[in-house]
Amino acid sequence: MRAKQLSRGVLSLSVAAALVALPGCSGDRGAALQTTSARGFALGDLSVQHGGTTVVSLAVEIADTPAAREKGLMGVKQLSDSQGMVFLWTGPQNAQFWMKDTLIPLDIAFWDGTDHVVDMQAMTPCSADPCPTYAAAAPYVGAVEVRGGLLSKVGLHSGDTVRFTRRAAAASPTDAASR
């Protein structure tokens, strides 16, 4: 994803493709979860609940700095139903997303400071200017991009609750010994 400053100071984000080899859960329950993706992004876990029932659980790369949001999904060629990318801000935003040079369709869900989904949109690839931009219907503090069609497949709705956790790096044996 590339950040682009639009006129009137509105930040626009560009999605270039989908995630490559974002780690999922392994069968080894004793193994620590990865905390950094192969692309160098911090990793987290995101789920969305509707009426107390989880409708989707994802392993996500985290874009929480201008540089990370600018890079976003650039160079990614595929995305599974258990992968995504989270975009986080410290306060409410009205930033727009765009799909310039994106190879595959993506869905996006935006959530507010109370962790409730405020908008969802399907975004289509665009290879030539002018590309459309995608703005949330309300201010948001986070957004998650997933494979196109996934949000309708799982039945995500406005008002659903987002749960996001950043994966913590496990202490090494030498860290524990030095305490």
Protein backbone atom coordinates (compact mmCIF):
# COMPACT_ATOMS: atom_id res chain seq x y z
CA MET A 1 0.00 0.00 0.00
CA ARG A 2 1.33 3.43 -0.86
CA ALA A 3 0.24 6.52 0.99
CA LYS A 4 -0.54 9.45 -1.23
CA GLN A 5 -1.40 12.95 -0.09
CA LEU A 6 -4.56 14.13 -1.82
CA SER A 7 -5.59 17.74 -2.17
CA ARG A 8 -7.00 19.23 1.04
CA GLY A 9 -4.62 17.10 3.11
CA VAL A 10 -6.61 13.88 2.95
CA LEU A 11 -4.35 10.86 3.19
CA SER A 12 -5.08 8.22 0.60
CA LEU A 13 -3.73 4.72 0.83
CA SER A 14 -2.95 2.47 -2.12
CA VAL A 15 -3.18 -1.29 -2.08
CA ALA A 16 -0.93 -3.00 -4.60
CA ALA A 17 -1.71 -6.71 -4.06
CA ALA A 18 -2.44 -9.30 -1.40
CA LEU A 19 -0.25 -10.86 1.32
CA VAL A 20 2.49 -13.39 0.64
CA ALA A 21 2.93 -16.32 2.98
CA LEU A 22 1.49 -14.76 6.10
CA PRO A 23 1.93 -17.43 8.75
CA GLY A 24 -1.10 -19.25 10.03
CA CYS A 25 -1.46 -21.47 13.03
CA SER A 26 0.71 -24.54 12.94
CA GLY A 27 -0.29 -27.92 14.25
CA ASP A 28 2.37 -27.65 16.99
CA ARG A 29 0.51 -26.11 19.93
CA GLY A 30 3.78 -25.81 21.90
CA ALA A 31 5.45 -23.60 19.31
CA ALA A 32 5.39 -19.83 19.79
CA LEU A 33 3.45 -17.84 17.21
CA GLN A 34 5.55 -15.79 14.83
CA THR A 35 5.67 -12.10 15.72
CA THR A 36 7.12 -10.77 12.44
CA SER A 37 6.11 -11.63 8.88
CA ALA A 38 8.52 -12.58 6.11
CA ARG A 39 7.96 -9.04 4.76
CA GLY A 40 9.09 -7.49 8.06
CA PHE A 41 5.69 -6.42 9.41
CA ALA A 42 4.65 -7.05 13.01
CA LEU A 43 1.94 -9.71 13.25
CA GLY A 44 -1.30 -9.85 15.15
CA ASP A 45 -4.58 -11.71 15.36
CA LEU A 46 -7.95 -10.23 14.54
CA SER A 47 -11.40 -11.68 14.98
CA VAL A 48 -14.86 -10.28 14.43
CA GLN A 49 -17.87 -11.31 16.51
CA HIS A 50 -21.55 -10.98 15.66
CA GLY A 51 -23.86 -11.52 18.62
CA GLY A 52 -21.08 -13.23 20.58
CA THR A 53 -20.24 -15.66 17.76
CA THR A 54 -16.92 -15.35 15.93
CA VAL A 55 -17.57 -14.91 12.20
CA VAL A 56 -13.95 -14.59 11.09
CA SER A 57 -10.47 -15.05 12.61
CA LEU A 58 -7.38 -13.78 10.82
CA ALA A 59 -3.60 -13.69 11.14
CA VAL A 60 -2.74 -10.12 10.12
CA GLU A 61 0.25 -8.03 9.22
CA ILE A 62 0.16 -4.68 11.04
CA ALA A 63 0.57 -1.29 9.36
CA ASP A 64 0.60 1.29 12.16
CA THR A 65 3.14 3.84 10.98
CA PRO A 66 3.06 6.08 7.90
CA ALA A 67 5.85 4.03 6.29
CA ALA A 68 4.11 0.72 6.99
CA ARG A 69 0.76 2.04 5.73
CA GLU A 70 2.51 3.33 2.62
CA LYS A 71 4.04 -0.09 1.87
CA GLY A 72 0.94 -2.04 2.89
CA LEU A 73 0.14 -4.90 0.54
CA MET A 74 2.54 -3.88 -2.24
CA GLY A 75 4.00 -6.82 -4.10
CA VAL A 76 1.65 -9.38 -2.57
CA LYS A 77 0.08 -11.82 -5.04
CA GLN A 78 -2.44 -13.86 -3.04
CA LEU A 79 -4.39 -13.86 0.18
CA SER A 80 -6.10 -16.79 1.91
CA ASP A 81 -9.35 -16.59 3.90
CA SER A 82 -7.31 -16.60 7.14
CA GLN A 83 -4.98 -13.71 6.22
CA GLY A 84 -5.27 -9.95 6.13
CA MET A 85 -3.62 -6.65 6.85
CA VAL A 86 -4.63 -4.28 9.62
CA PHE A 87 -4.17 -0.51 9.35
CA LEU A 88 -4.15 1.27 12.71
CA TRP A 89 -4.22 4.91 13.80
CA THR A 90 -4.11 6.49 17.25
CA GLY A 91 -7.21 8.62 16.64
CA PRO A 92 -10.25 8.81 14.36
CA GLN A 93 -9.47 9.04 10.64
CA ASN A 94 -11.19 9.81 7.37
CA ALA A 95 -8.26 8.58 5.23
CA GLN A 96 -9.17 7.07 1.89
CA PHE A 97 -7.88 3.84 0.40
CA TRP A 98 -7.19 3.24 -3.27
CA MET A 99 -6.32 0.22 -5.40
CA LYS A 100 -3.79 1.59 -7.88
CA ASP A 101 -1.86 -1.32 -9.44
CA THR A 102 -3.61 -3.90 -7.25
CA LEU A 103 -3.77 -7.33 -8.86
CA ILE A 104 -6.71 -8.90 -7.01
CA PRO A 105 -9.99 -7.68 -5.50
CA LEU A 106 -9.97 -6.90 -1.78
CA ASP A 107 -12.63 -6.22 0.84
CA ILE A 108 -12.11 -3.68 3.59
CA ALA A 109 -13.85 -3.28 6.95
CA PHE A 110 -13.43 -0.14 9.05
CA TRP A 111 -13.97 0.01 12.84
CA ASP A 112 -14.32 2.87 15.29
CA GLY A 113 -12.87 3.62 18.73
CA THR A 114 -15.49 1.39 20.37
CA ASP A 115 -14.28 -1.58 18.27
CA HIS A 116 -17.47 -1.74 16.20
CA VAL A 117 -17.52 -2.11 12.41
CA VAL A 118 -18.72 1.16 10.88
CA ASP A 119 -18.41 0.34 7.17
CA MET A 120 -17.39 -2.38 4.72
CA GLN A 121 -16.57 -2.11 1.05
CA ALA A 122 -15.48 -4.24 -1.87
CA MET A 123 -12.49 -2.74 -3.67
CA THR A 124 -11.62 -3.57 -7.27
CA PRO A 125 -8.17 -3.54 -8.85
CA CYS A 126 -7.20 -0.46 -10.85
CA SER A 127 -4.33 -0.21 -13.31
CA ALA A 128 -4.87 3.24 -14.86
CA ASP A 129 -5.50 6.69 -13.43
CA PRO A 130 -7.81 7.96 -12.28
CA CYS A 131 -8.43 5.18 -9.76
CA PRO A 132 -11.42 5.39 -7.44
CA THR A 133 -10.87 5.97 -3.74
CA TYR A 134 -12.70 4.20 -0.94
CA ALA A 135 -13.74 6.21 2.10
CA ALA A 136 -15.50 4.90 5.21
CA ALA A 137 -18.99 6.15 5.97
CA ALA A 138 -17.82 7.28 9.43
CA PRO A 139 -14.52 8.12 11.15
CA TYR A 140 -12.51 5.03 12.07
CA VAL A 141 -9.39 4.03 14.03
CA GLY A 142 -8.66 0.79 12.18
CA ALA A 143 -9.27 -1.04 8.95
CA VAL A 144 -8.63 -4.57 7.80
CA GLU A 145 -8.14 -5.68 4.22
CA VAL A 146 -8.98 -9.25 3.22
CA ARG A 147 -9.41 -11.32 0.07
CA GLY A 148 -12.24 -10.03 -2.11
CA GLY A 149 -15.61 -11.60 -1.29
CA LEU A 150 -14.63 -12.79 2.20
CA LEU A 151 -16.69 -10.26 4.16
CA SER A 152 -19.96 -11.24 2.48
CA LYS A 153 -19.01 -14.94 2.66
CA VAL A 154 -18.66 -14.78 6.47
CA GLY A 155 -21.66 -12.48 6.92
CA LEU A 156 -19.87 -9.48 8.44
CA HIS A 157 -22.20 -6.60 9.38
CA SER A 158 -21.93 -3.00 10.54
CA GLY A 159 -21.99 -3.03 14.34
CA ASP A 160 -20.07 -6.32 14.65
CA THR A 161 -17.28 -6.26 17.24
CA VAL A 162 -13.59 -6.33 16.28
CA ARG A 163 -11.04 -7.96 18.58
CA PHE A 164 -7.41 -7.30 17.73
CA THR A 165 -4.27 -8.38 19.56
CA ARG A 166 -0.66 -7.75 18.67
CA ARG A 167 1.48 -10.85 19.03
CA ALA A 168 4.06 -10.45 21.78
CA ALA A 169 7.58 -11.67 21.26
CA ALA A 170 8.37 -14.57 23.58
CA ALA A 171 11.24 -14.08 26.01
CA SER A 172 14.33 -16.02 25.07
CA PRO A 173 15.90 -18.42 27.61
CA THR A 174 18.76 -15.93 28.12
CA ASP A 175 16.24 -13.16 28.87
CA ALA A 176 14.59 -15.29 31.53
CA ALA A 177 17.96 -16.23 33.08
CA SER A 178 19.03 -12.60 33.34
CA ARG A 179 16.05 -11.64 35.55
